[in-house]
Every structure is written in structure tokens, then in C-alpha cells.
Amino acid sequence: MDITILATGSFADVARDTAETFGWNWQLFLSQVISFSIVAFLLRRFASSRSSEYWKSGGVRIEEGLLNAEKIKQELAEAERRYA
């Protein structure tokens, strides 16, 4: 526990002093919480579905690339056997 809390009194007094020092306004805080909630909801609703589709398609492209690389290795091995 912080020594300043013990020296000055209760935690509520310290919180009140800090809020007064930094100019905490509950209406402003509430409006920011509401704004953040709206933006978070909109991002989750619209942006996350598009970004998840993008990442899934990227995974498919990576898998296709790995399959193509394996196919090319096999063709190279076959061509080397034919050459030898």
C-alpha cells in the first residue's frame, strides 16, 4: 500500500484530491465511455468481419503456396532423375 494514502487519510480522499488536481469531470468521462462503446461496437460489427475474412484468405493463399512449392519440388526431383 502506498504510504501517501496512509498519511493523508482514506482512499476516497486521495481519489477526490487527485480528481480535483487533474480536473476530472464525470459528465465528460461518461460521454467518452459512451463514444468509445459506440466506436468499439461499430468496429466489431463491420471491421472485424472484413479483417477476419482477409486473414482467412491469406491463410488459404499461404496453403496454396506451400502446396505449389511441394509440387515444384517433386517435379524438380523427377526432372533430375530423368536427367541422370
N, C-alpha and C. Protein backbone atom coordinates (compact mmCIF):
# COMPACT_ATOMS: atom_id res chain seq x y z
N MET A 1 0.84 -1.18 0.00
CA MET A 1 0.00 0.00 0.00
C MET A 1 0.88 1.24 0.00
N ASP A 2 0.47 2.24 -0.71
CA ASP A 2 1.25 3.47 -0.82
C ASP A 2 1.23 4.22 0.50
N ILE A 3 2.37 4.77 0.86
CA ILE A 3 2.48 5.48 2.14
C ILE A 3 1.71 6.80 2.13
N THR A 4 1.55 7.41 0.95
CA THR A 4 0.81 8.67 0.91
C THR A 4 -0.67 8.46 1.24
N ILE A 5 -1.20 7.31 0.91
CA ILE A 5 -2.60 7.02 1.25
C ILE A 5 -2.73 6.89 2.76
N LEU A 6 -1.76 6.23 3.38
CA LEU A 6 -1.81 6.06 4.82
C LEU A 6 -1.64 7.39 5.54
N ALA A 7 -0.81 8.27 5.00
CA ALA A 7 -0.51 9.53 5.67
C ALA A 7 -1.66 10.53 5.51
N THR A 8 -2.35 10.52 4.38
CA THR A 8 -3.35 11.55 4.12
C THR A 8 -4.76 11.15 4.53
N GLY A 9 -5.01 9.90 4.76
CA GLY A 9 -6.35 9.50 5.16
C GLY A 9 -6.85 8.36 4.31
N SER A 10 -8.13 8.39 4.00
CA SER A 10 -8.74 7.29 3.28
C SER A 10 -8.46 7.36 1.79
N PHE A 11 -8.71 6.26 1.16
CA PHE A 11 -8.52 6.17 -0.29
C PHE A 11 -9.47 7.11 -1.02
N ALA A 12 -10.67 7.28 -0.51
CA ALA A 12 -11.64 8.16 -1.14
C ALA A 12 -11.15 9.61 -1.15
N ASP A 13 -10.49 10.01 -0.05
CA ASP A 13 -9.94 11.37 0.00
C ASP A 13 -8.85 11.56 -1.04
N VAL A 14 -7.99 10.55 -1.16
CA VAL A 14 -6.91 10.63 -2.14
C VAL A 14 -7.48 10.67 -3.56
N ALA A 15 -8.50 9.85 -3.82
CA ALA A 15 -9.12 9.84 -5.14
C ALA A 15 -9.78 11.18 -5.43
N ARG A 16 -10.45 11.75 -4.46
CA ARG A 16 -11.09 13.05 -4.63
C ARG A 16 -10.06 14.14 -4.89
N ASP A 17 -8.95 14.13 -4.14
CA ASP A 17 -7.88 15.11 -4.34
C ASP A 17 -7.26 14.98 -5.73
N THR A 18 -7.06 13.75 -6.15
CA THR A 18 -6.49 13.51 -7.47
C THR A 18 -7.44 13.99 -8.57
N ALA A 19 -8.72 13.72 -8.41
CA ALA A 19 -9.71 14.16 -9.39
C ALA A 19 -9.76 15.68 -9.46
N GLU A 20 -9.67 16.33 -8.33
CA GLU A 20 -9.67 17.80 -8.33
C GLU A 20 -8.39 18.35 -8.95
N THR A 21 -7.27 17.70 -8.68
CA THR A 21 -5.99 18.16 -9.22
C THR A 21 -5.97 18.07 -10.74
N PHE A 22 -6.46 16.98 -11.28
CA PHE A 22 -6.41 16.77 -12.72
C PHE A 22 -7.68 17.20 -13.44
N GLY A 23 -8.65 17.70 -12.73
CA GLY A 23 -9.85 18.23 -13.34
C GLY A 23 -10.77 17.16 -13.90
N TRP A 24 -11.04 16.12 -13.13
CA TRP A 24 -11.91 15.04 -13.58
C TRP A 24 -13.36 15.51 -13.58
N ASN A 25 -14.03 15.28 -14.68
CA ASN A 25 -15.41 15.71 -14.84
C ASN A 25 -16.23 14.47 -15.19
N TRP A 26 -17.19 14.10 -14.36
CA TRP A 26 -17.92 12.86 -14.58
C TRP A 26 -18.76 12.89 -15.84
N GLN A 27 -19.27 14.07 -16.26
CA GLN A 27 -20.05 14.14 -17.49
C GLN A 27 -19.16 13.89 -18.71
N LEU A 28 -17.98 14.48 -18.68
CA LEU A 28 -17.04 14.26 -19.78
C LEU A 28 -16.61 12.79 -19.83
N PHE A 29 -16.34 12.22 -18.66
CA PHE A 29 -15.96 10.81 -18.59
C PHE A 29 -17.07 9.92 -19.14
N LEU A 30 -18.30 10.19 -18.75
CA LEU A 30 -19.43 9.40 -19.23
C LEU A 30 -19.60 9.52 -20.74
N SER A 31 -19.44 10.73 -21.26
CA SER A 31 -19.57 10.90 -22.72
C SER A 31 -18.45 10.16 -23.45
N GLN A 32 -17.25 10.13 -22.89
CA GLN A 32 -16.16 9.40 -23.52
C GLN A 32 -16.40 7.90 -23.48
N VAL A 33 -16.96 7.41 -22.39
CA VAL A 33 -17.27 5.97 -22.30
C VAL A 33 -18.32 5.60 -23.33
N ILE A 34 -19.33 6.43 -23.48
CA ILE A 34 -20.38 6.17 -24.48
C ILE A 34 -19.81 6.22 -25.89
N SER A 35 -18.98 7.22 -26.17
CA SER A 35 -18.37 7.34 -27.50
C SER A 35 -17.48 6.13 -27.80
N PHE A 36 -16.69 5.74 -26.83
CA PHE A 36 -15.83 4.58 -27.03
C PHE A 36 -16.65 3.32 -27.28
N SER A 37 -17.72 3.17 -26.54
CA SER A 37 -18.58 1.99 -26.71
C SER A 37 -19.19 1.95 -28.11
N ILE A 38 -19.62 3.09 -28.61
CA ILE A 38 -20.20 3.16 -29.96
C ILE A 38 -19.15 2.79 -31.01
N VAL A 39 -17.96 3.38 -30.88
CA VAL A 39 -16.89 3.09 -31.85
C VAL A 39 -16.49 1.62 -31.77
N ALA A 40 -16.36 1.08 -30.56
CA ALA A 40 -15.99 -0.34 -30.41
C ALA A 40 -17.05 -1.24 -31.03
N PHE A 41 -18.32 -0.92 -30.83
CA PHE A 41 -19.40 -1.71 -31.41
C PHE A 41 -19.34 -1.66 -32.94
N LEU A 42 -19.17 -0.47 -33.50
CA LEU A 42 -19.12 -0.34 -34.95
C LEU A 42 -17.92 -1.07 -35.54
N LEU A 43 -16.77 -0.97 -34.89
CA LEU A 43 -15.59 -1.68 -35.39
C LEU A 43 -15.79 -3.19 -35.32
N ARG A 44 -16.37 -3.64 -34.22
CA ARG A 44 -16.60 -5.08 -34.09
C ARG A 44 -17.62 -5.56 -35.12
N ARG A 45 -18.63 -4.76 -35.36
CA ARG A 45 -19.71 -5.14 -36.27
C ARG A 45 -19.25 -5.19 -37.72
N PHE A 46 -18.51 -4.16 -38.15
CA PHE A 46 -18.18 -4.04 -39.57
C PHE A 46 -16.73 -4.37 -39.89
N ALA A 47 -15.81 -3.87 -39.13
CA ALA A 47 -14.40 -4.04 -39.48
C ALA A 47 -13.87 -5.42 -39.15
N SER A 48 -14.32 -6.01 -38.06
CA SER A 48 -13.75 -7.30 -37.67
C SER A 48 -14.14 -8.41 -38.65
N SER A 49 -15.34 -8.35 -39.21
CA SER A 49 -15.73 -9.39 -40.16
C SER A 49 -14.90 -9.29 -41.43
N ARG A 50 -14.65 -8.08 -41.87
CA ARG A 50 -13.84 -7.91 -43.08
C ARG A 50 -12.39 -8.29 -42.83
N SER A 51 -11.86 -7.90 -41.68
CA SER A 51 -10.47 -8.24 -41.40
C SER A 51 -10.30 -9.74 -41.19
N SER A 52 -11.29 -10.40 -40.57
CA SER A 52 -11.17 -11.84 -40.39
C SER A 52 -11.24 -12.56 -41.73
N GLU A 53 -12.07 -12.07 -42.65
CA GLU A 53 -12.11 -12.65 -44.00
C GLU A 53 -10.76 -12.46 -44.69
N TYR A 54 -10.16 -11.29 -44.50
CA TYR A 54 -8.85 -11.02 -45.11
C TYR A 54 -7.80 -11.99 -44.58
N TRP A 55 -7.77 -12.18 -43.27
CA TRP A 55 -6.77 -13.07 -42.69
C TRP A 55 -7.02 -14.52 -43.08
N LYS A 56 -8.29 -14.91 -43.18
CA LYS A 56 -8.59 -16.28 -43.60
C LYS A 56 -8.15 -16.50 -45.04
N SER A 57 -8.41 -15.52 -45.91
CA SER A 57 -8.00 -15.66 -47.31
C SER A 57 -6.47 -15.69 -47.41
N GLY A 58 -5.81 -14.97 -46.54
CA GLY A 58 -4.35 -15.02 -46.52
C GLY A 58 -3.85 -16.39 -46.16
N GLY A 59 -4.52 -17.03 -45.21
CA GLY A 59 -4.14 -18.39 -44.83
C GLY A 59 -4.34 -19.36 -45.97
N VAL A 60 -5.40 -19.18 -46.73
CA VAL A 60 -5.65 -20.04 -47.89
C VAL A 60 -4.56 -19.84 -48.93
N ARG A 61 -4.17 -18.58 -49.14
CA ARG A 61 -3.10 -18.31 -50.12
C ARG A 61 -1.79 -18.92 -49.67
N ILE A 62 -1.52 -18.88 -48.39
CA ILE A 62 -0.28 -19.49 -47.88
C ILE A 62 -0.31 -20.99 -48.09
N GLU A 63 -1.44 -21.62 -47.80
CA GLU A 63 -1.56 -23.07 -48.01
C GLU A 63 -1.37 -23.42 -49.47
N GLU A 64 -1.97 -22.63 -50.36
CA GLU A 64 -1.80 -22.88 -51.79
C GLU A 64 -0.34 -22.74 -52.20
N GLY A 65 0.33 -21.74 -51.66
CA GLY A 65 1.75 -21.55 -51.95
C GLY A 65 2.59 -22.70 -51.47
N LEU A 66 2.29 -23.23 -50.29
CA LEU A 66 3.04 -24.38 -49.79
C LEU A 66 2.79 -25.62 -50.63
N LEU A 67 1.54 -25.81 -51.07
CA LEU A 67 1.24 -26.95 -51.94
C LEU A 67 1.96 -26.82 -53.27
N ASN A 68 1.99 -25.61 -53.83
CA ASN A 68 2.70 -25.38 -55.09
C ASN A 68 4.19 -25.62 -54.92
N ALA A 69 4.75 -25.21 -53.78
CA ALA A 69 6.18 -25.42 -53.54
C ALA A 69 6.48 -26.91 -53.46
N GLU A 70 5.63 -27.67 -52.80
CA GLU A 70 5.83 -29.11 -52.72
C GLU A 70 5.73 -29.76 -54.10
N LYS A 71 4.77 -29.32 -54.90
CA LYS A 71 4.61 -29.85 -56.26
C LYS A 71 5.85 -29.54 -57.11
N ILE A 72 6.38 -28.34 -56.96
CA ILE A 72 7.57 -27.96 -57.73
C ILE A 72 8.77 -28.80 -57.29
N LYS A 73 8.90 -29.08 -56.00
CA LYS A 73 9.99 -29.93 -55.52
C LYS A 73 9.90 -31.32 -56.13
N GLN A 74 8.69 -31.86 -56.18
CA GLN A 74 8.52 -33.19 -56.76
C GLN A 74 8.86 -33.19 -58.24
N GLU A 75 8.43 -32.15 -58.95
CA GLU A 75 8.74 -32.07 -60.38
C GLU A 75 10.23 -31.91 -60.60
N LEU A 76 10.89 -31.15 -59.74
CA LEU A 76 12.33 -30.98 -59.86
C LEU A 76 13.05 -32.30 -59.61
N ALA A 77 12.63 -33.04 -58.60
CA ALA A 77 13.23 -34.33 -58.30
C ALA A 77 13.04 -35.28 -59.49
N GLU A 78 11.85 -35.27 -60.07
CA GLU A 78 11.59 -36.13 -61.24
C GLU A 78 12.44 -35.72 -62.42
N ALA A 79 12.60 -34.45 -62.65
CA ALA A 79 13.41 -33.98 -63.77
C ALA A 79 14.88 -34.35 -63.55
N GLU A 80 15.35 -34.28 -62.29
CA GLU A 80 16.74 -34.67 -62.02
C GLU A 80 16.94 -36.17 -62.25
N ARG A 81 15.93 -36.99 -61.89
CA ARG A 81 16.04 -38.43 -62.12
C ARG A 81 16.09 -38.72 -63.62
N ARG A 82 15.25 -38.00 -64.38
CA ARG A 82 15.26 -38.22 -65.83
C ARG A 82 16.58 -37.78 -66.46
N TYR A 83 17.15 -36.72 -65.95
CA TYR A 83 18.41 -36.20 -66.48
C TYR A 83 19.56 -37.16 -66.15
N ALA A 84 19.52 -37.74 -64.96
CA ALA A 84 20.60 -38.65 -64.54
C ALA A 84 20.44 -39.94 -65.32
